[in-house]
PDB file of N, CA and C in Angstrom:
ATOM      1  N   MET A   1      76.040  77.665  83.855  1.00  0.00           N
ATOM      2  CA  MET A   1      76.275  76.307  84.219  1.00  0.00           C
ATOM      3  C   MET A   1      74.932  75.507  84.298  1.00  0.00           C
ATOM      4  N   LYS A   2      73.832  76.243  84.682  1.00  0.00           N
ATOM      5  CA  LYS A   2      72.392  75.521  84.763  1.00  0.00           C
ATOM      6  C   LYS A   2      72.051  75.191  83.247  1.00  0.00           C
ATOM      7  N   ASP A   3      72.235  76.115  82.315  1.00  0.00           N
ATOM      8  CA  ASP A   3      71.919  75.864  80.857  1.00  0.00           C
ATOM      9  C   ASP A   3      72.655  74.604  80.479  1.00  0.00           C
ATOM     10  N   TYR A   4      73.827  74.433  80.802  1.00  0.00           N
ATOM     11  CA  TYR A   4      74.637  73.454  80.310  1.00  0.00           C
ATOM     12  C   TYR A   4      74.028  72.063  80.839  1.00  0.00           C
ATOM     13  N   LEU A   5      73.917  72.065  82.216  1.00  0.00           N
ATOM     14  CA  LEU A   5      73.247  71.013  82.767  1.00  0.00           C
ATOM     15  C   LEU A   5      71.989  70.465  82.423  1.00  0.00           C
ATOM     16  N   VAL A   6      71.170  71.459  81.977  1.00  0.00           N
ATOM     17  CA  VAL A   6      69.866  71.149  81.323  1.00  0.00           C
ATOM     18  C   VAL A   6      69.993  70.651  79.961  1.00  0.00           C
ATOM     19  N   GLY A   7      70.832  71.136  79.205  1.00  0.00           N
ATOM     20  CA  GLY A   7      71.135  70.657  77.807  1.00  0.00           C
ATOM     21  C   GLY A   7      71.817  69.447  77.701  1.00  0.00           C
ATOM     22  N   TYR A   8      72.812  69.028  78.600  1.00  0.00           N
ATOM     23  CA  TYR A   8      73.637  67.900  78.466  1.00  0.00           C
ATOM     24  C   TYR A   8      73.623  66.912  79.670  1.00  0.00           C
ATOM     25  N   GLY A   9      73.081  67.434  80.742  1.00  0.00           N
ATOM     26  CA  GLY A   9      73.128  66.562  82.099  1.00  0.00           C
ATOM     27  C   GLY A   9      74.440  66.565  82.697  1.00  0.00           C
ATOM     28  N   GLU A  10      74.484  65.688  83.783  1.00  0.00           N
ATOM     29  CA  GLU A  10      75.778  65.601  84.602  1.00  0.00           C
ATOM     30  C   GLU A  10      76.684  64.731  83.768  1.00  0.00           C
ATOM     31  N   GLY A  11      78.028  64.868  84.074  1.00  0.00           N
ATOM     32  CA  GLY A  11      79.057  63.922  83.503  1.00  0.00           C
ATOM     33  C   GLY A  11      80.470  64.329  84.040  1.00  0.00           C
ATOM     34  N   ILE A  12      81.427  63.779  83.514  1.00  0.00           N
ATOM     35  CA  ILE A  12      82.771  63.950  83.749  1.00  0.00           C
ATOM     36  C   ILE A  12      83.123  65.393  83.315  1.00  0.00           C
ATOM     37  N   HIS A  13      83.837  66.128  84.236  1.00  0.00           N
ATOM     38  CA  HIS A  13      84.233  67.435  83.909  1.00  0.00           C
ATOM     39  C   HIS A  13      85.710  67.517  83.666  1.00  0.00           C
ATOM     40  N   HIS A  14      86.554  66.644  84.454  1.00  0.00           N
ATOM     41  CA  HIS A  14      87.993  66.608  84.304  1.00  0.00           C
ATOM     42  C   HIS A  14      88.410  65.188  84.228  1.00  0.00           C
ATOM     43  N   LEU A  15      89.437  64.835  83.503  1.00  0.00           N
ATOM     44  CA  LEU A  15      89.955  63.417  83.330  1.00  0.00           C
ATOM     45  C   LEU A  15      91.484  63.726  83.213  1.00  0.00           C
ATOM     46  N   ALA A  16      92.249  63.107  84.163  1.00  0.00           N
ATOM     47  CA  ALA A  16      93.673  63.165  84.116  1.00  0.00           C
ATOM     48  C   ALA A  16      94.306  61.775  83.466  1.00  0.00           C
ATOM     49  N   LEU A  17      95.352  62.035  82.801  1.00  0.00           N
ATOM     50  CA  LEU A  17      96.193  60.887  82.103  1.00  0.00           C
ATOM     51  C   LEU A  17      97.447  61.281  82.427  1.00  0.00           C
ATOM     52  N   VAL A  18      98.486  60.245  82.610  1.00  0.00           N
ATOM     53  CA  VAL A  18      99.863  60.401  82.880  1.00  0.00           C
ATOM     54  C   VAL A  18     100.342  59.858  81.632  1.00  0.00           C
ATOM     55  N   VAL A  19     101.289  60.681  80.986  1.00  0.00           N
ATOM     56  CA  VAL A  19     101.879  60.295  79.671  1.00  0.00           C
ATOM     57  C   VAL A  19     103.372  60.599  79.719  1.00  0.00           C
ATOM     58  N   ASP A  20     104.247  60.035  79.064  1.00  0.00           N
ATOM     59  CA  ASP A  20     105.692  60.225  79.021  1.00  0.00           C
ATOM     60  C   ASP A  20     105.975  61.492  78.354  1.00  0.00           C
ATOM     61  N   LYS A  21     105.241  61.717  77.091  1.00  0.00           N
ATOM     62  CA  LYS A  21     105.389  62.863  76.248  1.00  0.00           C
ATOM     63  C   LYS A  21     104.115  63.488  75.874  1.00  0.00           C
ATOM     64  N   ILE A  22     103.880  64.689  76.239  1.00  0.00           N
ATOM     65  CA  ILE A  22     102.492  65.262  76.044  1.00  0.00           C
ATOM     66  C   ILE A  22     102.334  65.713  74.662  1.00  0.00           C
ATOM     67  N   ALA A  23     103.433  66.288  73.829  1.00  0.00           N
ATOM     68  CA  ALA A  23     103.220  66.725  72.547  1.00  0.00           C
ATOM     69  C   ALA A  23     102.608  65.791  71.607  1.00  0.00           C
ATOM     70  N   PRO A  24     103.160  64.460  71.544  1.00  0.00           N
ATOM     71  CA  PRO A  24     102.498  63.628  70.574  1.00  0.00           C
ATOM     72  C   PRO A  24     101.082  63.307  70.851  1.00  0.00           C
ATOM     73  N   CYS A  25     100.744  63.201  72.185  1.00  0.00           N
ATOM     74  CA  CYS A  25      99.412  62.992  72.669  1.00  0.00           C
ATOM     75  C   CYS A  25      98.505  63.938  72.130  1.00  0.00           C
ATOM     76  N   LEU A  26      98.954  65.308  72.414  1.00  0.00           N
ATOM     77  CA  LEU A  26      98.101  66.442  71.880  1.00  0.00           C
ATOM     78  C   LEU A  26      97.949  66.489  70.373  1.00  0.00           C
ATOM     79  N   GLU A  27      98.939  66.027  69.673  1.00  0.00           N
ATOM     80  CA  GLU A  27      98.808  65.941  68.165  1.00  0.00           C
ATOM     81  C   GLU A  27      97.830  65.032  67.705  1.00  0.00           C
ATOM     82  N   THR A  28      97.814  63.717  68.491  1.00  0.00           N
ATOM     83  CA  THR A  28      96.757  62.790  68.236  1.00  0.00           C
ATOM     84  C   THR A  28      95.435  63.268  68.364  1.00  0.00           C
ATOM     85  N   PHE A  29      95.132  63.864  69.598  1.00  0.00           N
ATOM     86  CA  PHE A  29      93.891  64.435  69.947  1.00  0.00           C
ATOM     87  C   PHE A  29      93.537  65.470  68.929  1.00  0.00           C
ATOM     88  N   ALA A  30      94.434  66.289  68.490  1.00  0.00           N
ATOM     89  CA  ALA A  30      93.916  67.308  67.429  1.00  0.00           C
ATOM     90  C   ALA A  30      93.460  66.754  66.254  1.00  0.00           C
ATOM     91  N   THR A  31      94.013  65.697  65.770  1.00  0.00           N
ATOM     92  CA  THR A  31      93.627  64.897  64.560  1.00  0.00           C
ATOM     93  C   THR A  31      92.297  64.503  64.761  1.00  0.00           C
ATOM     94  N   ARG A  32      91.898  64.177  65.970  1.00  0.00           N
ATOM     95  CA  ARG A  32      90.582  63.522  66.147  1.00  0.00           C
ATOM     96  C   ARG A  32      89.524  64.608  66.526  1.00  0.00           C
ATOM     97  N   VAL A  33      89.869  65.871  66.273  1.00  0.00           N
ATOM     98  CA  VAL A  33      89.041  67.092  66.400  1.00  0.00           C
ATOM     99  C   VAL A  33      88.818  67.425  67.773  1.00  0.00           C
ATOM    100  N   TYR A  34      89.850  67.318  68.702  1.00  0.00           N
ATOM    101  CA  TYR A  34      89.670  67.798  70.150  1.00  0.00           C
ATOM    102  C   TYR A  34      90.817  68.746  70.267  1.00  0.00           C
ATOM    103  N   PRO A  35      90.527  70.130  69.841  1.00  0.00           N
ATOM    104  CA  PRO A  35      91.395  71.074  69.750  1.00  0.00           C
ATOM    105  C   PRO A  35      91.848  71.475  71.144  1.00  0.00           C
ATOM    106  N   LEU A  36      93.183  72.087  71.290  1.00  0.00           N
ATOM    107  CA  LEU A  36      93.593  72.378  72.590  1.00  0.00           C
ATOM    108  C   LEU A  36      92.988  73.831  73.002  1.00  0.00           C
ATOM    109  N   LEU A  37      92.618  73.914  74.172  1.00  0.00           N
ATOM    110  CA  LEU A  37      91.933  75.046  74.657  1.00  0.00           C
ATOM    111  C   LEU A  37      92.943  75.811  75.585  1.00  0.00           C
ATOM    112  N   HIS A  38      93.721  75.009  76.475  1.00  0.00           N
ATOM    113  CA  HIS A  38      94.721  75.734  77.433  1.00  0.00           C
ATOM    114  C   HIS A  38      95.663  74.720  77.636  1.00  0.00           C
ATOM    115  N   SER A  39      96.896  75.137  78.027  1.00  0.00           N
ATOM    116  CA  SER A  39      97.952  74.146  78.562  1.00  0.00           C
ATOM    117  C   SER A  39      99.047  75.108  79.409  1.00  0.00           C
ATOM    118  N   GLY A  40      99.644  74.451  80.156  1.00  0.00           N
ATOM    119  CA  GLY A  40     100.748  75.075  81.103  1.00  0.00           C
ATOM    120  C   GLY A  40     101.649  74.108  81.713  1.00  0.00           C
ATOM    121  N   LYS A  41     102.344  74.555  82.598  1.00  0.00           N
ATOM    122  CA  LYS A  41     103.428  73.823  83.287  1.00  0.00           C
ATOM    123  C   LYS A  41     103.151  73.912  84.698  1.00  0.00           C
ATOM    124  N   PHE A  42     103.218  72.675  85.544  1.00  0.00           N
ATOM    125  CA  PHE A  42     103.099  72.743  86.940  1.00  0.00           C
ATOM    126  C   PHE A  42     104.549  73.190  87.465  1.00  0.00           C
ATOM    127  N   THR A  43     104.673  74.048  88.571  1.00  0.00           N
ATOM    128  CA  THR A  43     105.918  74.514  88.944  1.00  0.00           C
ATOM    129  C   THR A  43     106.160  74.032  90.365  1.00  0.00           C
ATOM    130  N   SER A  44     105.476  72.957  90.797  1.00  0.00           N
ATOM    131  CA  SER A  44     105.418  72.417  92.175  1.00  0.00           C
ATOM    132  C   SER A  44     106.752  71.337  92.048  1.00  0.00           C
ATOM    133  N   VAL A  45     106.840  70.572  93.098  1.00  0.00           N
ATOM    134  CA  VAL A  45     107.777  69.627  93.226  1.00  0.00           C
ATOM    135  C   VAL A  45     107.467  68.488  92.122  1.00  0.00           C
ATOM    136  N   ASN A  46     106.216  68.138  91.716  1.00  0.00           N
ATOM    137  CA  ASN A  46     106.046  67.136  90.770  1.00  0.00           C
ATOM    138  C   ASN A  46     106.000  67.871  89.445  1.00  0.00           C
ATOM    139  N   LYS A  47     106.941  68.483  88.883  1.00  0.00           N
ATOM    140  CA  LYS A  47     106.857  69.199  87.583  1.00  0.00           C
ATOM    141  C   LYS A  47     106.315  68.421  86.497  1.00  0.00           C
ATOM    142  N   GLY A  48     105.572  69.169  85.603  1.00  0.00           N
ATOM    143  CA  GLY A  48     104.944  68.440  84.499  1.00  0.00           C
ATOM    144  C   GLY A  48     104.142  69.458  83.637  1.00  0.00           C
ATOM    145  N   ARG A  49     103.304  68.864  82.864  1.00  0.00           N
ATOM    146  CA  ARG A  49     102.516  69.797  81.990  1.00  0.00           C
ATOM    147  C   ARG A  49     101.097  69.328  82.114  1.00  0.00           C
ATOM    148  N   TYR A  50     100.206  70.315  81.654  1.00  0.00           N
ATOM    149  CA  TYR A  50      98.813  69.970  81.705  1.00  0.00           C
ATOM    150  C   TYR A  50      98.074  70.525  80.407  1.00  0.00           C
ATOM    151  N   ALA A  51      97.003  69.970  79.910  1.00  0.00           N
ATOM    152  CA  ALA A  51      96.373  70.530  78.834  1.00  0.00           C
ATOM    153  C   ALA A  51      94.799  70.314  78.980  1.00  0.00           C
ATOM    154  N   TYR A  52      94.010  71.206  78.643  1.00  0.00           N
ATOM    155  CA  TYR A  52      92.695  71.094  78.471  1.00  0.00           C
ATOM    156  C   TYR A  52      92.199  71.232  76.944  1.00  0.00           C
ATOM    157  N   LEU A  53      91.248  70.160  76.720  1.00  0.00           N
ATOM    158  CA  LEU A  53      90.960  69.974  75.376  1.00  0.00           C
ATOM    159  C   LEU A  53      89.439  70.200  75.169  1.00  0.00           C
ATOM    160  N   ASP A  54      89.064  70.541  73.977  1.00  0.00           N
ATOM    161  CA  ASP A  54      87.551  70.842  73.750  1.00  0.00           C
ATOM    162  C   ASP A  54      87.093  69.716  73.313  1.00  0.00           C
ATOM    163  N   THR A  55      86.128  69.047  74.035  1.00  0.00           N
ATOM    164  CA  THR A  55      85.524  67.782  73.483  1.00  0.00           C
ATOM    165  C   THR A  55      84.046  68.027  73.385  1.00  0.00           C
ATOM    166  N   GLU A  56      83.564  69.257  73.374  1.00  0.00           N
ATOM    167  CA  GLU A  56      82.139  69.395  73.255  1.00  0.00           C
ATOM    168  C   GLU A  56      81.562  68.955  72.012  1.00  0.00           C
ATOM    169  N   ALA A  57      82.121  68.961  71.018  1.00  0.00           N
ATOM    170  CA  ALA A  57      81.599  68.574  69.732  1.00  0.00           C
ATOM    171  C   ALA A  57      81.226  66.956  69.850  1.00  0.00           C
ATOM    172  N   SER A  58      81.713  66.225  70.688  1.00  0.00           N
ATOM    173  CA  SER A  58      81.580  64.781  70.777  1.00  0.00           C
ATOM    174  C   SER A  58      80.481  64.508  71.650  1.00  0.00           C
ATOM    175  N   LEU A  59      79.804  65.459  72.275  1.00  0.00           N
ATOM    176  CA  LEU A  59      78.808  65.125  73.241  1.00  0.00           C
ATOM    177  C   LEU A  59      77.559  64.606  72.649  1.00  0.00           C
TER     178      LEU A  59
END
């Protein structure tokens, strides 16, 4: 973590967006060179999905 902060400084770590359908959004991000790193489903009362994208190349 220290090396990352020295190299890039502080910034946003997570950003949440609410969308009606996640699949088309992920396809759009993939075409803009933000590959999917991890995704899954929430199992709580507020069921939904989440995804982590790799944006390091655009830093």
